[in-house]
Amino acid sequence: MVMVRNESNELLKMSQVCKMLKVHPNTLRQWDKKGILKAVRIGVRRDRRYKKNDVNKLLE
């Protein structure tokens, strides 16, 4: 099965989102807890990834 990546379902790393929003990683963690910008948890380590569409909506 091949997963097609497009703009709408692209996931960004925490470091990328921090640079885009000019915030500290701890801010993103708090926003996730509060539901302001929900993270998608992936992998064994449960790393946070953020949907590009969600980040763009927050920037608007």
Protein backbone atom coordinates (compact mmCIF):
# COMPACT_ATOMS: atom_id res chain seq x y z
CA MET A 1 0.00 0.00 0.00
CA VAL A 2 1.38 3.38 -1.01
CA MET A 3 0.56 6.46 1.06
CA VAL A 4 0.17 9.55 -1.05
CA ARG A 5 1.47 12.67 0.63
CA ASN A 6 -0.11 15.95 -0.20
CA GLU A 7 -0.25 19.37 1.38
CA SER A 8 -3.35 18.57 3.43
CA ASN A 9 -1.96 15.58 5.33
CA GLU A 10 1.69 16.60 5.65
CA LEU A 11 3.10 16.25 9.15
CA LEU A 12 5.70 18.67 10.50
CA LYS A 13 8.29 18.07 13.20
CA MET A 14 8.16 20.07 16.41
CA SER A 15 11.34 21.97 15.45
CA GLN A 16 9.77 23.05 12.15
CA VAL A 17 6.61 24.28 13.86
CA CYS A 18 8.64 26.14 16.51
CA LYS A 19 10.43 28.06 13.77
CA MET A 20 7.20 28.78 11.88
CA LEU A 21 5.35 30.05 14.95
CA LYS A 22 8.41 31.50 16.72
CA VAL A 23 7.60 29.69 19.97
CA HIS A 24 9.49 27.43 22.39
CA PRO A 25 8.88 23.64 22.25
CA ASN A 26 7.36 23.80 25.74
CA THR A 27 4.74 26.20 24.37
CA LEU A 28 3.74 23.64 21.75
CA ARG A 29 3.50 20.95 24.43
CA GLN A 30 1.19 23.17 26.49
CA TRP A 31 -0.92 24.01 23.44
CA ASP A 32 -1.30 20.29 22.77
CA LYS A 33 -2.51 19.70 26.35
CA LYS A 34 -4.94 22.62 26.11
CA GLY A 35 -6.21 21.64 22.65
CA ILE A 36 -5.00 24.83 20.95
CA LEU A 37 -2.77 22.92 18.49
CA LYS A 38 -3.21 19.16 18.77
CA ALA A 39 -0.25 16.92 18.00
CA VAL A 40 -0.29 13.58 16.25
CA ARG A 41 1.80 11.06 18.20
CA ILE A 42 3.90 8.69 16.08
CA GLY A 43 6.36 5.88 16.60
CA VAL A 44 7.50 3.98 19.66
CA ARG A 45 8.78 7.16 21.30
CA ARG A 46 5.41 8.86 20.70
CA ASP A 47 7.06 11.85 19.02
CA ARG A 48 4.82 14.81 18.33
CA ARG A 49 4.03 15.80 14.77
CA TYR A 50 1.74 18.59 13.70
CA LYS A 51 -0.57 18.75 10.70
CA LYS A 52 0.58 21.46 8.32
CA ASN A 53 -3.02 22.59 7.77
CA ASP A 54 -3.53 23.07 11.53
CA VAL A 55 -0.34 25.15 11.81
CA ASN A 56 -1.36 27.29 8.82
CA LYS A 57 -4.81 27.91 10.35
CA LEU A 58 -3.15 29.11 13.54
CA LEU A 59 -0.95 31.49 11.53
CA GLU A 60 -3.98 33.14 9.87
